[in-house]
Amino acid sequence: MEEKIKIFFCEDDENMGMLLSEYLQTKNFIVDLFNDGESGEKAFPKKKYDLCILDVMMPKKDGFSLARDIRSIDREIPIIFLTAKNMKTDILEGFKAGADDYLTKPFNMQELILRIEAIMRRINGRKEKAQPYYIIGNYYFDTHKQELSINDSTVKLTTKENDLLTYLCINMNEVLDRESAVNTIWKPHQEFYQFAARSMDVYITKLRKLLSADPRVEILNVHGKGYKLLTPQIA
């Protein structure tokens, strides 16, 4: 029997929260609803969730702040933001806070279901298709545990870091098309593409720092095309 997806849902509008929770439950999800960011912050560590849905404008603690708190506890869990805001700066802040997706109110509830399914499919699909590990110069990259190790040092990667590094490894020593990477990992709607692309640039910078202990390993910018993970060739 397939295990139900457990959703952490934080929404200060009680009517909308109850309506959406009941709808998600009819679609075979398990939902825990919280009505403000502060109560959500206290409750999140007590259970294991598969996905978070966070309203941005909430009393006591806003969704962006709550997302950062959640990321400090679970760096891997996908997050969808719900908000009445549609300003570009707010959308960009959402991606910086760790958003996997972003829905502007009002929205169709079926669209939310499709977004959830796409995120879970993307995560599960990459786990199944990725090699269990890659050798990147002196680094050992475990795609399942989401760990990058060198010598006696091991770093736990976020889901986005893990996905992007996996995609770079699949195309190791070849050019990874920028647009393909953005669309595969971030799955942005057309109007959010530039924000997702800028978010990916931030993650590329993070990966460069994580791989800096081996000078033979580089992530190169290929002008007008994308990126190349340059590694020593194994004889």
Protein backbone atom coordinates (compact mmCIF):
# COMPACT_ATOMS: atom_id res chain seq x y z
CA MET A 1 0.00 0.00 0.00
CA GLU A 2 1.35 3.43 -0.96
CA GLU A 3 2.12 5.60 2.05
CA LYS A 4 0.14 8.83 2.25
CA ILE A 5 1.97 12.13 1.85
CA LYS A 6 2.05 14.12 5.12
CA ILE A 7 1.57 17.86 4.67
CA PHE A 8 2.45 20.61 7.14
CA PHE A 9 0.01 23.46 6.38
CA CYS A 10 0.19 26.92 7.94
CA GLU A 11 -2.58 29.41 6.99
CA ASP A 12 -4.03 32.22 9.11
CA ASP A 13 -7.33 32.46 7.21
CA GLU A 14 -9.40 29.91 9.13
CA ASN A 15 -12.03 29.43 6.42
CA MET A 16 -9.49 28.93 3.68
CA GLY A 17 -7.35 26.73 5.92
CA MET A 18 -10.21 24.39 6.78
CA LEU A 19 -11.51 24.31 3.20
CA LEU A 20 -8.13 23.52 1.71
CA SER A 21 -7.27 20.99 4.43
CA GLU A 22 -10.52 19.09 3.86
CA TYR A 23 -9.97 19.14 0.10
CA LEU A 24 -6.42 17.78 0.44
CA GLN A 25 -7.66 15.04 2.76
CA THR A 26 -10.25 13.97 0.19
CA LYS A 27 -7.32 13.60 -2.23
CA ASN A 28 -5.65 11.13 0.15
CA PHE A 29 -3.16 13.48 1.83
CA ILE A 30 -2.61 13.70 5.59
CA VAL A 31 -2.78 17.36 6.67
CA ASP A 32 -1.85 19.13 9.91
CA LEU A 33 -3.20 22.70 9.92
CA PHE A 34 -1.81 25.60 11.98
CA ASN A 35 -3.22 29.12 12.06
CA ASP A 36 -0.13 31.24 12.65
CA GLY A 37 3.61 31.02 12.11
CA GLU A 38 4.49 30.84 15.78
CA SER A 39 2.31 27.77 16.48
CA GLY A 40 3.64 26.23 13.28
CA GLU A 41 7.22 26.78 14.38
CA LYS A 42 6.55 24.97 17.67
CA ALA A 43 4.70 22.07 16.02
CA PHE A 44 6.97 21.31 13.04
CA PRO A 45 9.78 19.50 14.93
CA LYS A 46 7.33 17.14 16.62
CA LYS A 47 6.46 15.16 13.46
CA LYS A 48 8.00 14.06 10.18
CA TYR A 49 6.41 15.71 7.13
CA ASP A 50 6.86 15.21 3.38
CA LEU A 51 5.93 18.73 2.24
CA CYS A 52 5.09 22.19 3.64
CA ILE A 53 2.45 24.64 2.43
CA LEU A 54 2.97 28.07 4.00
CA ASP A 55 0.94 31.25 3.77
CA VAL A 56 3.25 34.26 3.55
CA MET A 57 1.23 36.88 5.46
CA MET A 58 0.60 35.45 8.93
CA PRO A 59 0.46 36.91 12.45
CA LYS A 60 3.30 36.43 14.95
CA LYS A 61 5.65 34.95 12.33
CA ASP A 62 5.41 35.33 8.54
CA GLY A 63 5.81 32.46 6.09
CA PHE A 64 9.30 33.47 4.94
CA SER A 65 10.61 33.50 8.53
CA LEU A 66 8.88 30.20 9.26
CA ALA A 67 10.44 28.66 6.13
CA ARG A 68 13.90 29.65 7.31
CA ASP A 69 13.17 28.05 10.70
CA ILE A 70 11.96 24.89 8.98
CA ARG A 71 15.08 24.80 6.80
CA SER A 72 17.25 24.94 9.94
CA ILE A 73 15.53 21.72 11.08
CA ASP A 74 14.94 19.93 7.77
CA ARG A 75 17.03 21.19 4.86
CA GLU A 76 15.39 18.78 2.40
CA ILE A 77 11.63 19.22 2.77
CA PRO A 78 9.89 20.89 -0.20
CA ILE A 79 8.02 24.15 0.49
CA ILE A 80 5.14 25.75 -1.41
CA PHE A 81 4.23 29.36 -0.57
CA LEU A 82 0.66 30.67 -0.78
CA THR A 83 0.24 34.43 -0.89
CA ALA A 84 -1.88 37.31 -2.11
CA LYS A 85 1.35 39.11 -2.96
CA ASN A 86 2.52 39.08 -6.55
CA MET A 87 5.34 41.61 -6.49
CA LYS A 88 8.56 40.33 -8.03
CA THR A 89 10.56 41.19 -4.92
CA ASP A 90 8.26 39.04 -2.79
CA ILE A 91 8.51 36.12 -5.20
CA LEU A 92 12.31 36.39 -5.21
CA GLU A 93 12.35 36.52 -1.40
CA GLY A 94 10.26 33.34 -1.39
CA PHE A 95 12.80 31.50 -3.52
CA LYS A 96 15.63 32.81 -1.34
CA ALA A 97 13.77 31.47 1.71
CA GLY A 98 13.78 28.03 0.11
CA ALA A 99 10.58 27.86 -1.96
CA ASP A 100 10.10 24.93 -4.31
CA ASP A 101 6.97 26.56 -5.73
CA TYR A 102 4.80 29.64 -5.29
CA LEU A 103 1.05 30.10 -5.76
CA THR A 104 -0.62 33.52 -5.78
CA LYS A 105 -4.14 33.77 -4.33
CA PRO A 106 -6.76 33.20 -5.55
CA PHE A 107 -5.80 29.88 -7.11
CA ASN A 108 -7.52 26.74 -8.28
CA MET A 109 -7.22 23.95 -5.69
CA GLN A 110 -6.68 21.39 -8.43
CA GLU A 111 -3.65 23.41 -9.54
CA LEU A 112 -2.21 23.06 -6.04
CA ILE A 113 -2.69 19.29 -6.23
CA LEU A 114 -0.86 19.22 -9.57
CA ARG A 115 1.99 21.28 -8.12
CA ILE A 116 2.31 18.93 -5.12
CA GLU A 117 2.28 15.86 -7.34
CA ALA A 118 4.90 17.39 -9.66
CA ILE A 119 7.23 18.17 -6.76
CA MET A 120 6.91 14.70 -5.24
CA ARG A 121 7.28 13.03 -8.63
CA ARG A 122 10.40 15.11 -9.32
CA ILE A 123 11.96 14.21 -5.97
CA ASN A 124 11.10 10.51 -6.15
CA GLY A 125 11.99 10.25 -9.83
CA ARG A 126 15.46 11.67 -9.36
CA LYS A 127 16.09 9.41 -6.38
CA GLU A 128 15.23 6.39 -8.53
CA LYS A 129 17.18 7.46 -11.64
CA ALA A 130 20.29 8.93 -10.06
CA GLN A 131 23.31 6.75 -9.50
CA PRO A 132 23.73 5.93 -5.82
CA TYR A 133 27.04 7.80 -5.76
CA TYR A 134 29.50 9.77 -7.87
CA ILE A 135 33.24 10.32 -7.55
CA ILE A 136 34.02 13.99 -8.14
CA GLY A 137 37.80 14.33 -7.95
CA ASN A 138 38.55 13.61 -4.29
CA TYR A 139 34.90 13.97 -3.32
CA TYR A 140 32.42 11.18 -2.70
CA PHE A 141 28.86 12.25 -3.47
CA ASP A 142 26.06 10.07 -2.04
CA THR A 143 22.89 11.06 -3.92
CA HIS A 144 20.55 9.05 -1.71
CA LYS A 145 21.85 10.34 1.61
CA GLN A 146 22.40 13.79 0.05
CA GLU A 147 25.93 13.91 1.42
CA LEU A 148 29.16 15.27 -0.06
CA SER A 149 32.34 13.96 1.56
CA ILE A 150 36.06 14.63 1.28
CA ASN A 151 38.67 13.13 3.60
CA ASP A 152 36.97 13.08 7.03
CA SER A 153 34.56 15.92 6.28
CA THR A 154 30.92 15.34 5.28
CA VAL A 155 28.34 17.99 4.38
CA LYS A 156 24.59 17.34 4.27
CA LEU A 157 23.13 18.91 1.12
CA THR A 158 19.74 20.52 0.74
CA THR A 159 17.33 18.97 -1.76
CA LYS A 160 18.06 21.69 -4.32
CA GLU A 161 21.84 21.38 -3.83
CA ASN A 162 21.57 17.61 -4.17
CA ASP A 163 19.39 17.78 -7.28
CA LEU A 164 21.57 20.36 -9.02
CA LEU A 165 24.82 18.54 -8.23
CA THR A 166 23.26 15.26 -9.40
CA TYR A 167 22.24 16.87 -12.68
CA LEU A 168 25.76 18.30 -13.09
CA CYS A 169 27.20 14.84 -12.41
CA ILE A 170 24.94 13.20 -14.97
CA ASN A 171 26.47 15.67 -17.46
CA MET A 172 29.96 15.54 -15.95
CA ASN A 173 32.62 17.20 -18.16
CA GLU A 174 29.89 18.19 -20.60
CA VAL A 175 27.83 21.36 -20.88
CA LEU A 176 24.67 21.37 -18.79
CA ASP A 177 22.09 23.51 -20.58
CA ARG A 178 20.99 26.31 -18.25
CA GLU A 179 17.36 26.38 -19.36
CA SER A 180 17.06 22.61 -19.11
CA ALA A 181 18.46 22.66 -15.57
CA VAL A 182 16.11 25.42 -14.42
CA ASN A 183 13.06 23.72 -15.92
CA THR A 184 13.99 20.26 -14.62
CA ILE A 185 14.87 21.23 -11.05
CA TRP A 186 12.72 24.31 -10.37
CA LYS A 187 9.78 23.68 -12.75
CA PRO A 188 8.87 27.39 -12.77
CA HIS A 189 5.85 28.90 -14.44
CA GLN A 190 6.92 31.09 -17.35
CA GLU A 191 6.48 34.35 -15.42
CA PHE A 192 8.73 33.05 -12.62
CA TYR A 193 11.50 31.68 -14.86
CA GLN A 194 13.95 34.56 -14.25
CA PHE A 195 13.55 34.22 -10.48
CA ALA A 196 14.17 30.48 -10.64
CA ALA A 197 17.21 31.08 -12.86
CA ARG A 198 18.63 33.60 -10.37
CA SER A 199 17.96 31.13 -7.57
CA MET A 200 19.91 28.47 -9.47
CA ASP A 201 22.85 30.88 -9.82
CA VAL A 202 22.89 31.20 -6.03
CA TYR A 203 23.00 27.40 -5.68
CA ILE A 204 25.81 27.16 -8.25
CA THR A 205 27.83 29.56 -6.08
CA LYS A 206 27.10 27.39 -3.01
CA LEU A 207 28.22 24.23 -4.82
CA ARG A 208 31.45 25.90 -5.95
CA LYS A 209 32.28 26.66 -2.31
CA LEU A 210 31.42 23.10 -1.25
CA LEU A 211 33.72 21.70 -3.96
CA SER A 212 36.58 24.15 -3.39
CA ALA A 213 38.74 21.74 -1.34
CA ASP A 214 39.82 19.98 -4.56
CA PRO A 215 41.31 22.55 -6.99
CA ARG A 216 40.91 20.10 -9.89
CA VAL A 217 37.12 20.32 -9.58
CA GLU A 218 35.41 23.35 -11.12
CA ILE A 219 31.95 24.43 -12.16
CA LEU A 220 32.54 26.56 -15.23
CA ASN A 221 30.22 29.15 -16.75
CA VAL A 222 29.77 28.41 -20.45
CA HIS A 223 28.70 31.74 -21.91
CA GLY A 224 25.28 31.66 -23.52
CA LYS A 225 24.81 27.95 -22.79
CA GLY A 226 25.05 26.88 -19.16
CA TYR A 227 27.50 25.18 -16.83
CA LYS A 228 30.11 22.44 -16.94
CA LEU A 229 31.23 20.35 -13.96
CA LEU A 230 34.90 19.85 -14.77
CA THR A 231 36.47 16.89 -12.98
CA PRO A 232 39.64 14.78 -13.38
CA GLN A 233 39.13 12.05 -15.94
CA ILE A 234 39.39 8.54 -14.49
CA ALA A 235 41.89 6.47 -16.47
